[in-house]
Amino acid sequence: MHLRDWMKQNGVTQQELARRLRPPISQAKVSHWLQGSRRVDLHSALQLVEITGGAVTFKDLAELSGHRQARDPAWPHPQGRPCIDVAGPVCVAQDEPRKEAA
């Protein structure tokens, strides 16, 4: 469920939601989340899932900022899933040891 939909169904304003978080945040930050111009941080996401009783999920919160899981038409790969995380460790083949990024 979209956070905005949950807020509407439950009569919760941006200001009230901002105050329910610990530590409280600004109403403007909630507005940025709803507009998709800022990502919900992990600490806030954990609280939002709890506050909404799970009606708003981590996936819902990730999608607020336009994050979408990329579909891979070649899955499943015969050699296993390739490593495509350019910020993480470098992977070559599954049979070879991992090399740390420089």
PDB file of N, CA and C in Angstrom:
ATOM      1  N   MET A   1       0.847  -1.172   0.000  1.00  0.00           N
ATOM      2  CA  MET A   1       0.000   0.000   0.000  1.00  0.00           C
ATOM      3  C   MET A   1       0.898   1.242   0.000  1.00  0.00           C
ATOM      4  N   HIS A   2       0.526   2.215  -0.739  1.00  0.00           N
ATOM      5  CA  HIS A   2       1.271   3.472  -0.779  1.00  0.00           C
ATOM      6  C   HIS A   2       1.085   4.201   0.547  1.00  0.00           C
ATOM      7  N   LEU A   3       2.145   4.799   1.053  1.00  0.00           N
ATOM      8  CA  LEU A   3       2.088   5.505   2.328  1.00  0.00           C
ATOM      9  C   LEU A   3       1.012   6.582   2.314  1.00  0.00           C
ATOM     10  N   ARG A   4       0.881   7.295   1.206  1.00  0.00           N
ATOM     11  CA  ARG A   4      -0.141   8.346   1.112  1.00  0.00           C
ATOM     12  C   ARG A   4      -1.545   7.757   1.274  1.00  0.00           C
ATOM     13  N   ASP A   5      -1.780   6.580   0.678  1.00  0.00           N
ATOM     14  CA  ASP A   5      -3.088   5.923   0.799  1.00  0.00           C
ATOM     15  C   ASP A   5      -3.368   5.529   2.250  1.00  0.00           C
ATOM     16  N   TRP A   6      -2.339   4.983   2.924  1.00  0.00           N
ATOM     17  CA  TRP A   6      -2.512   4.604   4.324  1.00  0.00           C
ATOM     18  C   TRP A   6      -2.839   5.830   5.171  1.00  0.00           C
ATOM     19  N   MET A   7      -2.128   6.916   4.920  1.00  0.00           N
ATOM     20  CA  MET A   7      -2.373   8.146   5.681  1.00  0.00           C
ATOM     21  C   MET A   7      -3.804   8.640   5.473  1.00  0.00           C
ATOM     22  N   LYS A   8      -4.265   8.599   4.229  1.00  0.00           N
ATOM     23  CA  LYS A   8      -5.627   9.055   3.925  1.00  0.00           C
ATOM     24  C   LYS A   8      -6.666   8.168   4.604  1.00  0.00           C
ATOM     25  N   GLN A   9      -6.485   6.843   4.511  1.00  0.00           N
ATOM     26  CA  GLN A   9      -7.433   5.898   5.114  1.00  0.00           C
ATOM     27  C   GLN A   9      -7.521   6.059   6.621  1.00  0.00           C
ATOM     28  N   ASN A  10      -6.395   6.421   7.232  1.00  0.00           N
ATOM     29  CA  ASN A  10      -6.341   6.511   8.684  1.00  0.00           C
ATOM     30  C   ASN A  10      -6.405   7.936   9.218  1.00  0.00           C
ATOM     31  N   GLY A  11      -6.626   8.899   8.340  1.00  0.00           N
ATOM     32  CA  GLY A  11      -6.763  10.285   8.751  1.00  0.00           C
ATOM     33  C   GLY A  11      -5.512  10.847   9.413  1.00  0.00           C
ATOM     34  N   VAL A  12      -4.348  10.421   8.923  1.00  0.00           N
ATOM     35  CA  VAL A  12      -3.076  10.865   9.496  1.00  0.00           C
ATOM     36  C   VAL A  12      -2.470  11.925   8.581  1.00  0.00           C
ATOM     37  N   THR A  13      -2.143  13.061   9.153  1.00  0.00           N
ATOM     38  CA  THR A  13      -1.521  14.132   8.371  1.00  0.00           C
ATOM     39  C   THR A  13      -0.011  13.915   8.310  1.00  0.00           C
ATOM     40  N   GLN A  14       0.633  14.646   7.399  1.00  0.00           N
ATOM     41  CA  GLN A  14       2.082  14.589   7.309  1.00  0.00           C
ATOM     42  C   GLN A  14       2.717  15.004   8.637  1.00  0.00           C
ATOM     43  N   GLN A  15       2.188  16.047   9.228  1.00  0.00           N
ATOM     44  CA  GLN A  15       2.708  16.547  10.503  1.00  0.00           C
ATOM     45  C   GLN A  15       2.574  15.493  11.599  1.00  0.00           C
ATOM     46  N   GLU A  16       1.415  14.834  11.670  1.00  0.00           N
ATOM     47  CA  GLU A  16       1.208  13.821  12.702  1.00  0.00           C
ATOM     48  C   GLU A  16       2.137  12.632  12.501  1.00  0.00           C
ATOM     49  N   LEU A  17       2.306  12.199  11.258  1.00  0.00           N
ATOM     50  CA  LEU A  17       3.204  11.084  10.984  1.00  0.00           C
ATOM     51  C   LEU A  17       4.637  11.459  11.366  1.00  0.00           C
ATOM     52  N   ALA A  18       5.036  12.671  11.040  1.00  0.00           N
ATOM     53  CA  ALA A  18       6.380  13.147  11.375  1.00  0.00           C
ATOM     54  C   ALA A  18       6.613  13.114  12.886  1.00  0.00           C
ATOM     55  N   ARG A  19       5.597  13.447  13.658  1.00  0.00           N
ATOM     56  CA  ARG A  19       5.713  13.467  15.125  1.00  0.00           C
ATOM     57  C   ARG A  19       5.731  12.069  15.729  1.00  0.00           C
ATOM     58  N   ARG A  20       5.139  11.085  15.044  1.00  0.00           N
ATOM     59  CA  ARG A  20       5.102   9.716  15.567  1.00  0.00           C
ATOM     60  C   ARG A  20       6.461   9.029  15.492  1.00  0.00           C
ATOM     61  N   LEU A  21       7.313   9.491  14.597  1.00  0.00           N
ATOM     62  CA  LEU A  21       8.629   8.874  14.453  1.00  0.00           C
ATOM     63  C   LEU A  21       9.539   9.300  15.594  1.00  0.00           C
ATOM     64  N   ARG A  22      10.488   8.437  15.945  1.00  0.00           N
ATOM     65  CA  ARG A  22      11.446   8.719  17.011  1.00  0.00           C
ATOM     66  C   ARG A  22      12.845   8.626  16.458  1.00  0.00           C
ATOM     67  N   PRO A  23      13.622   9.688  16.479  1.00  0.00           N
ATOM     68  CA  PRO A  23      13.205  11.020  16.886  1.00  0.00           C
ATOM     69  C   PRO A  23      12.247  11.617  15.871  1.00  0.00           C
ATOM     70  N   PRO A  24      11.409  12.550  16.297  1.00  0.00           N
ATOM     71  CA  PRO A  24      10.481  13.188  15.369  1.00  0.00           C
ATOM     72  C   PRO A  24      11.243  13.858  14.216  1.00  0.00           C
ATOM     73  N   ILE A  25      10.596  13.894  13.068  1.00  0.00           N
ATOM     74  CA  ILE A  25      11.194  14.535  11.892  1.00  0.00           C
ATOM     75  C   ILE A  25      10.297  15.694  11.463  1.00  0.00           C
ATOM     76  N   SER A  26      10.714  16.409  10.452  1.00  0.00           N
ATOM     77  CA  SER A  26       9.912  17.541   9.978  1.00  0.00           C
ATOM     78  C   SER A  26       8.805  17.058   9.035  1.00  0.00           C
ATOM     79  N   GLN A  27       7.755  17.827   8.971  1.00  0.00           N
ATOM     80  CA  GLN A  27       6.667  17.559   8.024  1.00  0.00           C
ATOM     81  C   GLN A  27       7.206  17.630   6.607  1.00  0.00           C
ATOM     82  N   ALA A  28       8.167  18.507   6.367  1.00  0.00           N
ATOM     83  CA  ALA A  28       8.749  18.662   5.024  1.00  0.00           C
ATOM     84  C   ALA A  28       9.421  17.368   4.560  1.00  0.00           C
ATOM     85  N   LYS A  29      10.056  16.650   5.491  1.00  0.00           N
ATOM     86  CA  LYS A  29      10.713  15.390   5.123  1.00  0.00           C
ATOM     87  C   LYS A  29       9.681  14.361   4.678  1.00  0.00           C
ATOM     88  N   VAL A  30       8.564  14.288   5.392  1.00  0.00           N
ATOM     89  CA  VAL A  30       7.481  13.385   4.985  1.00  0.00           C
ATOM     90  C   VAL A  30       6.982  13.782   3.601  1.00  0.00           C
ATOM     91  N   SER A  31       6.827  15.062   3.367  1.00  0.00           N
ATOM     92  CA  SER A  31       6.390  15.558   2.064  1.00  0.00           C
ATOM     93  C   SER A  31       7.360  15.134   0.963  1.00  0.00           C
ATOM     94  N   HIS A  32       8.662  15.236   1.237  1.00  0.00           N
ATOM     95  CA  HIS A  32       9.666  14.816   0.252  1.00  0.00           C
ATOM     96  C   HIS A  32       9.549  13.324  -0.049  1.00  0.00           C
ATOM     97  N   TRP A  33       9.287  12.511   0.983  1.00  0.00           N
ATOM     98  CA  TRP A  33       9.098  11.068   0.761  1.00  0.00           C
ATOM     99  C   TRP A  33       7.916  10.834  -0.173  1.00  0.00           C
ATOM    100  N   LEU A  34       6.808  11.504   0.129  1.00  0.00           N
ATOM    101  CA  LEU A  34       5.583  11.286  -0.652  1.00  0.00           C
ATOM    102  C   LEU A  34       5.729  11.769  -2.095  1.00  0.00           C
ATOM    103  N   GLN A  35       6.545  12.801  -2.310  1.00  0.00           N
ATOM    104  CA  GLN A  35       6.801  13.302  -3.660  1.00  0.00           C
ATOM    105  C   GLN A  35       7.826  12.456  -4.395  1.00  0.00           C
ATOM    106  N   GLY A  36       8.560  11.617  -3.643  1.00  0.00           N
ATOM    107  CA  GLY A  36       9.591  10.794  -4.252  1.00  0.00           C
ATOM    108  C   GLY A  36      10.912  11.509  -4.453  1.00  0.00           C
ATOM    109  N   SER A  37      11.076  12.674  -3.841  1.00  0.00           N
ATOM    110  CA  SER A  37      12.319  13.417  -4.027  1.00  0.00           C
ATOM    111  C   SER A  37      13.388  13.037  -3.004  1.00  0.00           C
ATOM    112  N   ARG A  38      13.008  12.281  -1.977  1.00  0.00           N
ATOM    113  CA  ARG A  38      13.966  11.766  -0.993  1.00  0.00           C
ATOM    114  C   ARG A  38      13.608  10.337  -0.655  1.00  0.00           C
ATOM    115  N   ARG A  39      14.635   9.549  -0.408  1.00  0.00           N
ATOM    116  CA  ARG A  39      14.417   8.162   0.011  1.00  0.00           C
ATOM    117  C   ARG A  39      14.135   8.104   1.505  1.00  0.00           C
ATOM    118  N   VAL A  40      13.347   7.118   1.879  1.00  0.00           N
ATOM    119  CA  VAL A  40      13.079   6.873   3.296  1.00  0.00           C
ATOM    120  C   VAL A  40      14.287   6.113   3.851  1.00  0.00           C
ATOM    121  N   ASP A  41      14.908   6.637   4.907  1.00  0.00           N
ATOM    122  CA  ASP A  41      16.063   5.963   5.496  1.00  0.00           C
ATOM    123  C   ASP A  41      15.598   4.708   6.236  1.00  0.00           C
ATOM    124  N   LEU A  42      16.527   3.797   6.470  1.00  0.00           N
ATOM    125  CA  LEU A  42      16.199   2.503   7.072  1.00  0.00           C
ATOM    126  C   LEU A  42      15.560   2.657   8.452  1.00  0.00           C
ATOM    127  N   HIS A  43      16.094   3.536   9.274  1.00  0.00           N
ATOM    128  CA  HIS A  43      15.552   3.738  10.623  1.00  0.00           C
ATOM    129  C   HIS A  43      14.082   4.164  10.559  1.00  0.00           C
ATOM    130  N   SER A  44      13.780   5.099   9.675  1.00  0.00           N
ATOM    131  CA  SER A  44      12.394   5.565   9.522  1.00  0.00           C
ATOM    132  C   SER A  44      11.525   4.484   8.905  1.00  0.00           C
ATOM    133  N   ALA A  45      12.071   3.744   7.940  1.00  0.00           N
ATOM    134  CA  ALA A  45      11.297   2.684   7.286  1.00  0.00           C
ATOM    135  C   ALA A  45      10.867   1.620   8.289  1.00  0.00           C
ATOM    136  N   LEU A  46      11.778   1.230   9.176  1.00  0.00           N
ATOM    137  CA  LEU A  46      11.429   0.249  10.207  1.00  0.00           C
ATOM    138  C   LEU A  46      10.262   0.749  11.051  1.00  0.00           C
ATOM    139  N   GLN A  47      10.302   2.017  11.421  1.00  0.00           N
ATOM    140  CA  GLN A  47       9.226   2.592  12.230  1.00  0.00           C
ATOM    141  C   GLN A  47       7.928   2.707  11.443  1.00  0.00           C
ATOM    142  N   LEU A  48       8.017   3.085  10.167  1.00  0.00           N
ATOM    143  CA  LEU A  48       6.805   3.253   9.360  1.00  0.00           C
ATOM    144  C   LEU A  48       6.086   1.925   9.154  1.00  0.00           C
ATOM    145  N   VAL A  49       6.836   0.860   8.940  1.00  0.00           N
ATOM    146  CA  VAL A  49       6.214  -0.457   8.801  1.00  0.00           C
ATOM    147  C   VAL A  49       5.494  -0.819  10.098  1.00  0.00           C
ATOM    148  N   GLU A  50       6.116  -0.515  11.230  1.00  0.00           N
ATOM    149  CA  GLU A  50       5.489  -0.793  12.531  1.00  0.00           C
ATOM    150  C   GLU A  50       4.268   0.100  12.763  1.00  0.00           C
ATOM    151  N   ILE A  51       4.396   1.383  12.497  1.00  0.00           N
ATOM    152  CA  ILE A  51       3.296   2.334  12.698  1.00  0.00           C
ATOM    153  C   ILE A  51       2.073   1.945  11.872  1.00  0.00           C
ATOM    154  N   THR A  52       2.312   1.492  10.644  1.00  0.00           N
ATOM    155  CA  THR A  52       1.203   1.132   9.752  1.00  0.00           C
ATOM    156  C   THR A  52       0.727  -0.296   9.953  1.00  0.00           C
ATOM    157  N   GLY A  53       1.308  -0.995  10.908  1.00  0.00           N
ATOM    158  CA  GLY A  53       0.909  -2.378  11.163  1.00  0.00           C
ATOM    159  C   GLY A  53       1.234  -3.301   9.996  1.00  0.00           C
ATOM    160  N   GLY A  54       2.237  -2.919   9.219  1.00  0.00           N
ATOM    161  CA  GLY A  54       2.641  -3.737   8.077  1.00  0.00           C
ATOM    162  C   GLY A  54       1.850  -3.471   6.809  1.00  0.00           C
ATOM    163  N   ALA A  55       0.866  -2.559   6.880  1.00  0.00           N
ATOM    164  CA  ALA A  55       0.077  -2.242   5.679  1.00  0.00           C
ATOM    165  C   ALA A  55       0.966  -1.597   4.617  1.00  0.00           C
ATOM    166  N   VAL A  56       1.945  -0.819   5.047  1.00  0.00           N
ATOM    167  CA  VAL A  56       2.945  -0.241   4.154  1.00  0.00           C
ATOM    168  C   VAL A  56       4.215  -1.052   4.371  1.00  0.00           C
ATOM    169  N   THR A  57       4.716  -1.664   3.317  1.00  0.00           N
ATOM    170  CA  THR A  57       5.871  -2.550   3.414  1.00  0.00           C
ATOM    171  C   THR A  57       7.166  -1.829   3.057  1.00  0.00           C
ATOM    172  N   PHE A  58       8.289  -2.505   3.284  1.00  0.00           N
ATOM    173  CA  PHE A  58       9.583  -1.953   2.885  1.00  0.00           C
ATOM    174  C   PHE A  58       9.620  -1.732   1.377  1.00  0.00           C
ATOM    175  N   LYS A  59       9.041  -2.653   0.637  1.00  0.00           N
ATOM    176  CA  LYS A  59       8.998  -2.515  -0.824  1.00  0.00           C
ATOM    177  C   LYS A  59       8.205  -1.266  -1.210  1.00  0.00           C
ATOM    178  N   ASP A  60       7.071  -1.044  -0.549  1.00  0.00           N
ATOM    179  CA  ASP A  60       6.272   0.160  -0.823  1.00  0.00           C
ATOM    180  C   ASP A  60       7.089   1.423  -0.562  1.00  0.00           C
ATOM    181  N   LEU A  61       7.840   1.418   0.521  1.00  0.00           N
ATOM    182  CA  LEU A  61       8.631   2.593   0.871  1.00  0.00           C
ATOM    183  C   LEU A  61       9.778   2.800  -0.116  1.00  0.00           C
ATOM    184  N   ALA A  62      10.380   1.718  -0.589  1.00  0.00           N
ATOM    185  CA  ALA A  62      11.452   1.830  -1.579  1.00  0.00           C
ATOM    186  C   ALA A  62      10.917   2.402  -2.886  1.00  0.00           C
ATOM    187  N   GLU A  63       9.700   2.042  -3.234  1.00  0.00           N
ATOM    188  CA  GLU A  63       9.108   2.510  -4.488  1.00  0.00           C
ATOM    189  C   GLU A  63       8.724   3.986  -4.440  1.00  0.00           C
ATOM    190  N   LEU A  64       8.645   4.575  -3.243  1.00  0.00           N
ATOM    191  CA  LEU A  64       8.338   5.997  -3.147  1.00  0.00           C
ATOM    192  C   LEU A  64       9.367   6.841  -3.883  1.00  0.00           C
ATOM    193  N   SER A  65      10.633   6.416  -3.837  1.00  0.00           N
ATOM    194  CA  SER A  65      11.695   7.197  -4.478  1.00  0.00           C
ATOM    195  C   SER A  65      11.983   6.727  -5.894  1.00  0.00           C
ATOM    196  N   GLY A  66      11.099   5.929  -6.447  1.00  0.00           N
ATOM    197  CA  GLY A  66      11.276   5.489  -7.824  1.00  0.00           C
ATOM    198  C   GLY A  66      12.139   4.258  -7.958  1.00  0.00           C
ATOM    199  N   HIS A  67      12.577   3.670  -6.841  1.00  0.00           N
ATOM    200  CA  HIS A  67      13.387   2.457  -6.907  1.00  0.00           C
ATOM    201  C   HIS A  67      12.514   1.308  -7.384  1.00  0.00           C
ATOM    202  N   ARG A  68      12.942   0.660  -8.414  1.00  0.00           N
ATOM    203  CA  ARG A  68      12.237  -0.512  -8.929  1.00  0.00           C
ATOM    204  C   ARG A  68      13.249  -1.633  -9.111  1.00  0.00           C
ATOM    205  N   GLN A  69      12.839  -2.834  -8.804  1.00  0.00           N
ATOM    206  CA  GLN A  69      13.721  -3.971  -9.002  1.00  0.00           C
ATOM    207  C   GLN A  69      13.772  -4.282 -10.488  1.00  0.00           C
ATOM    208  N   ALA A  70      14.974  -4.351 -11.026  1.00  0.00           N
ATOM    209  CA  ALA A  70      15.140  -4.621 -12.457  1.00  0.00           C
ATOM    210  C   ALA A  70      14.790  -6.070 -12.757  1.00  0.00           C
ATOM    211  N   ARG A  71      14.045  -6.273 -13.784  1.00  0.00           N
ATOM    212  CA  ARG A  71      13.715  -7.623 -14.224  1.00  0.00           C
ATOM    213  C   ARG A  71      14.863  -8.137 -15.078  1.00  0.00           C
ATOM    214  N   ASP A  72      15.190  -9.396 -14.925  1.00  0.00           N
ATOM    215  CA  ASP A  72      16.279 -10.001 -15.681  1.00  0.00           C
ATOM    216  C   ASP A  72      15.688 -11.093 -16.557  1.00  0.00           C
ATOM    217  N   PRO A  73      15.515 -10.830 -17.868  1.00  0.00           N
ATOM    218  CA  PRO A  73      14.889 -11.807 -18.751  1.00  0.00           C
ATOM    219  C   PRO A  73      15.705 -13.084 -18.916  1.00  0.00           C
ATOM    220  N   ALA A  74      16.986 -13.045 -18.590  1.00  0.00           N
ATOM    221  CA  ALA A  74      17.835 -14.223 -18.754  1.00  0.00           C
ATOM    222  C   ALA A  74      17.854 -15.115 -17.510  1.00  0.00           C
ATOM    223  N   TRP A  75      17.106 -14.765 -16.489  1.00  0.00           N
ATOM    224  CA  TRP A  75      17.089 -15.575 -15.261  1.00  0.00           C
ATOM    225  C   TRP A  75      16.241 -16.803 -15.459  1.00  0.00           C
ATOM    226  N   PRO A  76      16.548 -17.987 -15.000  1.00  0.00           N
ATOM    227  CA  PRO A  76      17.763 -18.312 -14.260  1.00  0.00           C
ATOM    228  C   PRO A  76      18.948 -18.520 -15.194  1.00  0.00           C
ATOM    229  N   HIS A  77      20.100 -18.068 -14.779  1.00  0.00           N
ATOM    230  CA  HIS A  77      21.319 -18.212 -15.562  1.00  0.00           C
ATOM    231  C   HIS A  77      21.883 -19.614 -15.388  1.00  0.00           C
ATOM    232  N   PRO A  78      22.326 -20.238 -16.462  1.00  0.00           N
ATOM    233  CA  PRO A  78      22.865 -21.589 -16.337  1.00  0.00           C
ATOM    234  C   PRO A  78      24.115 -21.644 -15.446  1.00  0.00           C
ATOM    235  N   GLN A  79      24.890 -20.575 -15.381  1.00  0.00           N
ATOM    236  CA  GLN A  79      26.113 -20.543 -14.569  1.00  0.00           C
ATOM    237  C   GLN A  79      25.879 -19.896 -13.202  1.00  0.00           C
ATOM    238  N   GLY A  80      24.646 -19.649 -12.843  1.00  0.00           N
ATOM    239  CA  GLY A  80      24.359 -18.953 -11.593  1.00  0.00           C
ATOM    240  C   GLY A  80      24.183 -17.468 -11.858  1.00  0.00           C
ATOM    241  N   ARG A  81      23.695 -16.758 -10.885  1.00  0.00           N
ATOM    242  CA  ARG A  81      23.435 -15.331 -11.058  1.00  0.00           C
ATOM    243  C   ARG A  81      24.745 -14.557 -11.120  1.00  0.00           C
ATOM    244  N   PRO A  82      24.935 -13.737 -12.148  1.00  0.00           N
ATOM    245  CA  PRO A  82      26.177 -12.964 -12.241  1.00  0.00           C
ATOM    246  C   PRO A  82      26.199 -11.834 -11.224  1.00  0.00           C
ATOM    247  N   CYS A  83      27.376 -11.432 -10.838  1.00  0.00           N
ATOM    248  CA  CYS A  83      27.536 -10.321  -9.912  1.00  0.00           C
ATOM    249  C   CYS A  83      27.524  -9.034 -10.726  1.00  0.00           C
ATOM    250  N   ILE A  84      26.551  -8.164 -10.461  1.00  0.00           N
ATOM    251  CA  ILE A  84      26.464  -6.924 -11.222  1.00  0.00           C
ATOM    252  C   ILE A  84      26.548  -5.693 -10.327  1.00  0.00           C
ATOM    253  N   ASP A  85      26.850  -5.891  -9.056  1.00  0.00           N
ATOM    254  CA  ASP A  85      26.966  -4.778  -8.127  1.00  0.00           C
ATOM    255  C   ASP A  85      28.325  -4.125  -8.318  1.00  0.00           C
ATOM    256  N   VAL A  86      28.351  -2.997  -9.008  1.00  0.00           N
ATOM    257  CA  VAL A  86      29.621  -2.357  -9.324  1.00  0.00           C
ATOM    258  C   VAL A  86      30.261  -1.713  -8.101  1.00  0.00           C
ATOM    259  N   ALA A  87      29.520  -1.519  -7.040  1.00  0.00           N
ATOM    260  CA  ALA A  87      30.075  -0.906  -5.848  1.00  0.00           C
ATOM    261  C   ALA A  87      30.596  -1.952  -4.866  1.00  0.00           C
ATOM    262  N   GLY A  88      30.284  -3.211  -5.113  1.00  0.00           N
ATOM    263  CA  GLY A  88      30.673  -4.258  -4.188  1.00  0.00           C
ATOM    264  C   GLY A  88      31.896  -5.012  -4.659  1.00  0.00           C
ATOM    265  N   PRO A  89      32.142  -6.160  -4.056  1.00  0.00           N
ATOM    266  CA  PRO A  89      33.283  -6.974  -4.456  1.00  0.00           C
ATOM    267  C   PRO A  89      33.170  -7.387  -5.922  1.00  0.00           C
ATOM    268  N   VAL A  90      34.286  -7.566  -6.537  1.00  0.00           N
ATOM    269  CA  VAL A  90      34.314  -7.971  -7.934  1.00  0.00           C
ATOM    270  C   VAL A  90      34.159  -9.473  -8.003  1.00  0.00           C
ATOM    271  N   CYS A  91      33.242  -9.952  -8.829  1.00  0.00           N
ATOM    272  CA  CYS A  91      33.038 -11.383  -9.013  1.00  0.00           C
ATOM    273  C   CYS A  91      33.433 -11.747 -10.439  1.00  0.00           C
ATOM    274  N   VAL A  92      33.970 -12.909 -10.591  1.00  0.00           N
ATOM    275  CA  VAL A  92      34.243 -13.385 -11.946  1.00  0.00           C
ATOM    276  C   VAL A  92      33.352 -14.580 -12.183  1.00  0.00           C
ATOM    277  N   ALA A  93      33.833 -15.757 -12.052  1.00  0.00           N
ATOM    278  CA  ALA A  93      33.006 -16.949 -12.181  1.00  0.00           C
ATOM    279  C   ALA A  93      32.802 -17.542 -10.790  1.00  0.00           C
ATOM    280  N   GLN A  94      31.773 -18.351 -10.642  1.00  0.00           N
ATOM    281  CA  GLN A  94      31.491 -18.928  -9.330  1.00  0.00           C
ATOM    282  C   GLN A  94      32.593 -19.870  -8.867  1.00  0.00           C
ATOM    283  N   ASP A  95      33.315 -20.477  -9.792  1.00  0.00           N
ATOM    284  CA  ASP A  95      34.366 -21.424  -9.415  1.00  0.00           C
ATOM    285  C   ASP A  95      35.641 -20.734  -8.988  1.00  0.00           C
ATOM    286  N   GLU A  96      35.788 -19.448  -9.310  1.00  0.00           N
ATOM    287  CA  GLU A  96      37.001 -18.718  -8.966  1.00  0.00           C
ATOM    288  C   GLU A  96      36.781 -17.947  -7.667  1.00  0.00           C
ATOM    289  N   PRO A  97      37.840 -17.731  -6.890  1.00  0.00           N
ATOM    290  CA  PRO A  97      37.685 -16.964  -5.633  1.00  0.00           C
ATOM    291  C   PRO A  97      37.344 -15.509  -5.932  1.00  0.00           C
ATOM    292  N   ARG A  98      36.642 -14.881  -5.002  1.00  0.00           N
ATOM    293  CA  ARG A  98      36.277 -13.473  -5.144  1.00  0.00           C
ATOM    294  C   ARG A  98      37.503 -12.595  -4.997  1.00  0.00           C
ATOM    295  N   LYS A  99      37.520 -11.508  -5.738  1.00  0.00           N
ATOM    296  CA  LYS A  99      38.585 -10.517  -5.638  1.00  0.00           C
ATOM    297  C   LYS A  99      37.982  -9.252  -5.075  1.00  0.00           C
ATOM    298  N   GLU A 100      38.641  -8.665  -4.120  1.00  0.00           N
ATOM    299  CA  GLU A 100      38.144  -7.429  -3.531  1.00  0.00           C
ATOM    300  C   GLU A 100      38.354  -6.270  -4.490  1.00  0.00           C
ATOM    301  N   ALA A 101      37.409  -5.338  -4.495  1.00  0.00           N
ATOM    302  CA  ALA A 101      37.503  -4.154  -5.344  1.00  0.00           C
ATOM    303  C   ALA A 101      38.657  -3.281  -4.870  1.00  0.00           C
ATOM    304  N   ALA A 102      39.287  -2.621  -5.809  1.00  0.00           N
ATOM    305  CA  ALA A 102      40.439  -1.765  -5.461  1.00  0.00           C
ATOM    306  C   ALA A 102      39.982  -0.472  -4.841  1.00  0.00           C
TER     307      ALA A 102
END
